[in-house]
Amino acid sequence: MFEPFPDSVLNALQEKTADVPRYLGDVLKVAFYSSLGVEEGRAITFTLAICSPEPHTPEFPGDWDIICFQTPRPFIVREVIKLAPAADPQRVLIGVHEAEGVLRIWGLLELEAIRSQLEDGRTKNR
């Protein structure tokens, strides 16, 4: 028979996971199922960046090249699969953020610009 965890254990777990974004499970689920997809006869590969679409945020300080969509797209498997062929995972990140409790794809970030900044020491290496 299953015995529930004592309240002390549950409280300790809640404290340890308080900093984990509440949408992390949704990000992992969409990423996993998207990675199983095929588009234009190729396996889907992509890299996600969970960050604000605003330039010069703590996530990516400094100058970086972005393509901001005029209207953010829903962060769902079908959208990631459609976008992935245009976003080489070695060079481009798919930007995702949460606003008003909803995850959205806001645009693309050019990784080369970020990588060169890290090499030049202009940003923090996280």
C-alpha atoms as a PDB file:
ATOM      1  CA  MET A   1       0.000   0.000   0.000  1.00  0.00           C
ATOM      2  CA  PHE A   2       1.225   3.490  -0.897  1.00  0.00           C
ATOM      3  CA  GLU A   3       1.979   5.795   2.003  1.00  0.00           C
ATOM      4  CA  PRO A   4       2.053   9.520   1.258  1.00  0.00           C
ATOM      5  CA  PHE A   5       5.196  11.500   1.957  1.00  0.00           C
ATOM      6  CA  PRO A   6       5.266  13.267   5.316  1.00  0.00           C
ATOM      7  CA  ASP A   7       4.493  16.990   5.223  1.00  0.00           C
ATOM      8  CA  SER A   8       8.103  17.794   6.146  1.00  0.00           C
ATOM      9  CA  VAL A   9       9.355  16.057   2.991  1.00  0.00           C
ATOM     10  CA  LEU A  10       6.739  17.748   0.790  1.00  0.00           C
ATOM     11  CA  ASN A  11       7.574  21.164   2.271  1.00  0.00           C
ATOM     12  CA  ALA A  12      11.291  20.592   1.682  1.00  0.00           C
ATOM     13  CA  LEU A  13      10.610  19.614  -1.960  1.00  0.00           C
ATOM     14  CA  GLN A  14       8.485  22.716  -2.509  1.00  0.00           C
ATOM     15  CA  GLU A  15      11.256  24.924  -1.128  1.00  0.00           C
ATOM     16  CA  LYS A  16      13.880  23.260  -3.355  1.00  0.00           C
ATOM     17  CA  THR A  17      11.762  23.637  -6.496  1.00  0.00           C
ATOM     18  CA  ALA A  18      10.471  27.155  -5.820  1.00  0.00           C
ATOM     19  CA  ASP A  19      12.940  28.658  -8.325  1.00  0.00           C
ATOM     20  CA  VAL A  20      12.053  26.217 -11.115  1.00  0.00           C
ATOM     21  CA  PRO A  21       9.768  27.972 -13.600  1.00  0.00           C
ATOM     22  CA  ARG A  22       6.262  26.549 -13.445  1.00  0.00           C
ATOM     23  CA  TYR A  23       6.293  26.125 -17.227  1.00  0.00           C
ATOM     24  CA  LEU A  24       9.415  23.916 -17.354  1.00  0.00           C
ATOM     25  CA  GLY A  25       7.350  20.758 -17.838  1.00  0.00           C
ATOM     26  CA  ASP A  26       5.585  22.309 -20.831  1.00  0.00           C
ATOM     27  CA  VAL A  27       8.900  23.345 -22.392  1.00  0.00           C
ATOM     28  CA  LEU A  28      10.312  19.838 -22.005  1.00  0.00           C
ATOM     29  CA  LYS A  29       7.165  18.215 -23.394  1.00  0.00           C
ATOM     30  CA  VAL A  30       7.034  20.421 -26.503  1.00  0.00           C
ATOM     31  CA  ALA A  31      10.789  20.043 -27.061  1.00  0.00           C
ATOM     32  CA  PHE A  32      10.631  16.260 -26.730  1.00  0.00           C
ATOM     33  CA  TYR A  33       7.675  15.731 -29.058  1.00  0.00           C
ATOM     34  CA  SER A  34       9.050  18.252 -31.566  1.00  0.00           C
ATOM     35  CA  SER A  35      12.343  16.359 -31.666  1.00  0.00           C
ATOM     36  CA  LEU A  36      10.454  13.267 -32.848  1.00  0.00           C
ATOM     37  CA  GLY A  37       9.109  15.105 -35.884  1.00  0.00           C
ATOM     38  CA  VAL A  38      10.243  15.165 -39.494  1.00  0.00           C
ATOM     39  CA  GLU A  39       9.998  18.184 -41.785  1.00  0.00           C
ATOM     40  CA  GLU A  40      10.934  18.263 -45.449  1.00  0.00           C
ATOM     41  CA  GLY A  41      12.241  14.696 -45.110  1.00  0.00           C
ATOM     42  CA  ARG A  42      14.723  15.620 -42.353  1.00  0.00           C
ATOM     43  CA  ALA A  43      14.777  14.898 -38.656  1.00  0.00           C
ATOM     44  CA  ILE A  44      13.927  17.920 -36.540  1.00  0.00           C
ATOM     45  CA  THR A  45      16.834  19.495 -34.655  1.00  0.00           C
ATOM     46  CA  PHE A  46      16.659  22.836 -32.879  1.00  0.00           C
ATOM     47  CA  THR A  47      17.928  24.825 -29.927  1.00  0.00           C
ATOM     48  CA  LEU A  48      15.614  26.768 -27.627  1.00  0.00           C
ATOM     49  CA  ALA A  49      16.400  29.916 -25.659  1.00  0.00           C
ATOM     50  CA  ILE A  50      14.008  30.594 -22.804  1.00  0.00           C
ATOM     51  CA  CYS A  51      14.443  34.358 -22.508  1.00  0.00           C
ATOM     52  CA  SER A  52      12.776  37.709 -22.901  1.00  0.00           C
ATOM     53  CA  PRO A  53      12.354  39.165 -26.398  1.00  0.00           C
ATOM     54  CA  GLU A  54      13.673  42.470 -25.069  1.00  0.00           C
ATOM     55  CA  PRO A  55      17.294  43.255 -25.963  1.00  0.00           C
ATOM     56  CA  HIS A  56      19.895  43.666 -23.225  1.00  0.00           C
ATOM     57  CA  THR A  57      18.261  41.439 -20.638  1.00  0.00           C
ATOM     58  CA  PRO A  58      20.217  39.573 -17.948  1.00  0.00           C
ATOM     59  CA  GLU A  59      19.858  36.389 -20.019  1.00  0.00           C
ATOM     60  CA  PHE A  60      21.778  37.880 -22.978  1.00  0.00           C
ATOM     61  CA  PRO A  61      23.349  41.248 -22.157  1.00  0.00           C
ATOM     62  CA  GLY A  62      25.069  43.226 -24.871  1.00  0.00           C
ATOM     63  CA  ASP A  63      24.465  43.272 -28.610  1.00  0.00           C
ATOM     64  CA  TRP A  64      22.926  40.282 -30.308  1.00  0.00           C
ATOM     65  CA  ASP A  65      21.054  39.819 -33.537  1.00  0.00           C
ATOM     66  CA  ILE A  66      17.413  38.874 -33.336  1.00  0.00           C
ATOM     67  CA  ILE A  67      14.479  38.384 -35.633  1.00  0.00           C
ATOM     68  CA  CYS A  68      11.346  39.285 -33.702  1.00  0.00           C
ATOM     69  CA  PHE A  69       8.097  37.988 -35.144  1.00  0.00           C
ATOM     70  CA  GLN A  70       5.450  40.652 -35.627  1.00  0.00           C
ATOM     71  CA  THR A  71       3.011  38.336 -33.865  1.00  0.00           C
ATOM     72  CA  PRO A  72       4.431  35.724 -31.458  1.00  0.00           C
ATOM     73  CA  ARG A  73       3.609  32.141 -32.384  1.00  0.00           C
ATOM     74  CA  PRO A  74       2.179  29.605 -29.958  1.00  0.00           C
ATOM     75  CA  PHE A  75       4.815  27.359 -28.403  1.00  0.00           C
ATOM     76  CA  ILE A  76       3.405  24.075 -29.657  1.00  0.00           C
ATOM     77  CA  VAL A  77       4.907  21.053 -31.403  1.00  0.00           C
ATOM     78  CA  ARG A  78       3.546  21.938 -34.849  1.00  0.00           C
ATOM     79  CA  GLU A  79       5.073  25.449 -34.725  1.00  0.00           C
ATOM     80  CA  VAL A  80       8.494  24.203 -33.608  1.00  0.00           C
ATOM     81  CA  ILE A  81       8.498  21.579 -36.377  1.00  0.00           C
ATOM     82  CA  LYS A  82       7.610  24.236 -38.988  1.00  0.00           C
ATOM     83  CA  LEU A  83      10.240  26.673 -37.722  1.00  0.00           C
ATOM     84  CA  ALA A  84      13.111  24.259 -37.075  1.00  0.00           C
ATOM     85  CA  PRO A  85      14.328  23.896 -40.709  1.00  0.00           C
ATOM     86  CA  ALA A  86      14.903  27.679 -40.802  1.00  0.00           C
ATOM     87  CA  ALA A  87      16.757  27.663 -37.473  1.00  0.00           C
ATOM     88  CA  ASP A  88      20.045  25.762 -37.800  1.00  0.00           C
ATOM     89  CA  PRO A  89      20.631  24.575 -34.200  1.00  0.00           C
ATOM     90  CA  GLN A  90      24.362  25.308 -34.508  1.00  0.00           C
ATOM     91  CA  ARG A  91      23.735  28.979 -35.335  1.00  0.00           C
ATOM     92  CA  VAL A  92      20.207  30.040 -34.399  1.00  0.00           C
ATOM     93  CA  LEU A  93      18.170  29.784 -31.196  1.00  0.00           C
ATOM     94  CA  ILE A  94      14.379  29.719 -31.158  1.00  0.00           C
ATOM     95  CA  GLY A  95      13.349  32.361 -28.616  1.00  0.00           C
ATOM     96  CA  VAL A  96      10.578  31.366 -26.214  1.00  0.00           C
ATOM     97  CA  HIS A  97       9.131  33.302 -23.318  1.00  0.00           C
ATOM     98  CA  GLU A  98       6.183  33.168 -20.983  1.00  0.00           C
ATOM     99  CA  ALA A  99       3.747  36.068 -20.831  1.00  0.00           C
ATOM    100  CA  GLU A 100       0.504  36.080 -18.920  1.00  0.00           C
ATOM    101  CA  GLY A 101       0.846  32.358 -18.240  1.00  0.00           C
ATOM    102  CA  VAL A 102       1.267  31.382 -21.914  1.00  0.00           C
ATOM    103  CA  LEU A 103       4.455  30.236 -23.647  1.00  0.00           C
ATOM    104  CA  ARG A 104       5.102  31.876 -27.017  1.00  0.00           C
ATOM    105  CA  ILE A 105       7.792  31.723 -29.696  1.00  0.00           C
ATOM    106  CA  TRP A 106       8.774  35.365 -30.067  1.00  0.00           C
ATOM    107  CA  GLY A 107      11.560  35.069 -32.649  1.00  0.00           C
ATOM    108  CA  LEU A 108      15.066  33.863 -33.472  1.00  0.00           C
ATOM    109  CA  LEU A 109      18.461  34.752 -31.953  1.00  0.00           C
ATOM    110  CA  GLU A 110      21.668  34.528 -33.938  1.00  0.00           C
ATOM    111  CA  LEU A 111      24.035  32.386 -31.908  1.00  0.00           C
ATOM    112  CA  GLU A 112      27.152  33.575 -33.753  1.00  0.00           C
ATOM    113  CA  ALA A 113      26.668  37.093 -32.412  1.00  0.00           C
ATOM    114  CA  ILE A 114      26.284  35.765 -28.872  1.00  0.00           C
ATOM    115  CA  ARG A 115      29.204  33.345 -29.276  1.00  0.00           C
ATOM    116  CA  SER A 116      31.526  36.086 -30.518  1.00  0.00           C
ATOM    117  CA  GLN A 117      30.576  38.265 -27.553  1.00  0.00           C
ATOM    118  CA  LEU A 118      31.413  35.442 -25.156  1.00  0.00           C
ATOM    119  CA  GLU A 119      34.762  34.942 -26.868  1.00  0.00           C
ATOM    120  CA  ASP A 120      35.475  38.687 -26.634  1.00  0.00           C
ATOM    121  CA  GLY A 121      34.506  38.687 -22.942  1.00  0.00           C
ATOM    122  CA  ARG A 122      31.734  41.232 -23.455  1.00  0.00           C
ATOM    123  CA  THR A 123      29.109  39.114 -21.712  1.00  0.00           C
ATOM    124  CA  LYS A 124      28.956  36.821 -18.724  1.00  0.00           C
ATOM    125  CA  ASN A 125      29.520  33.140 -19.438  1.00  0.00           C
ATOM    126  CA  ARG A 126      26.538  31.525 -17.764  1.00  0.00           C
END
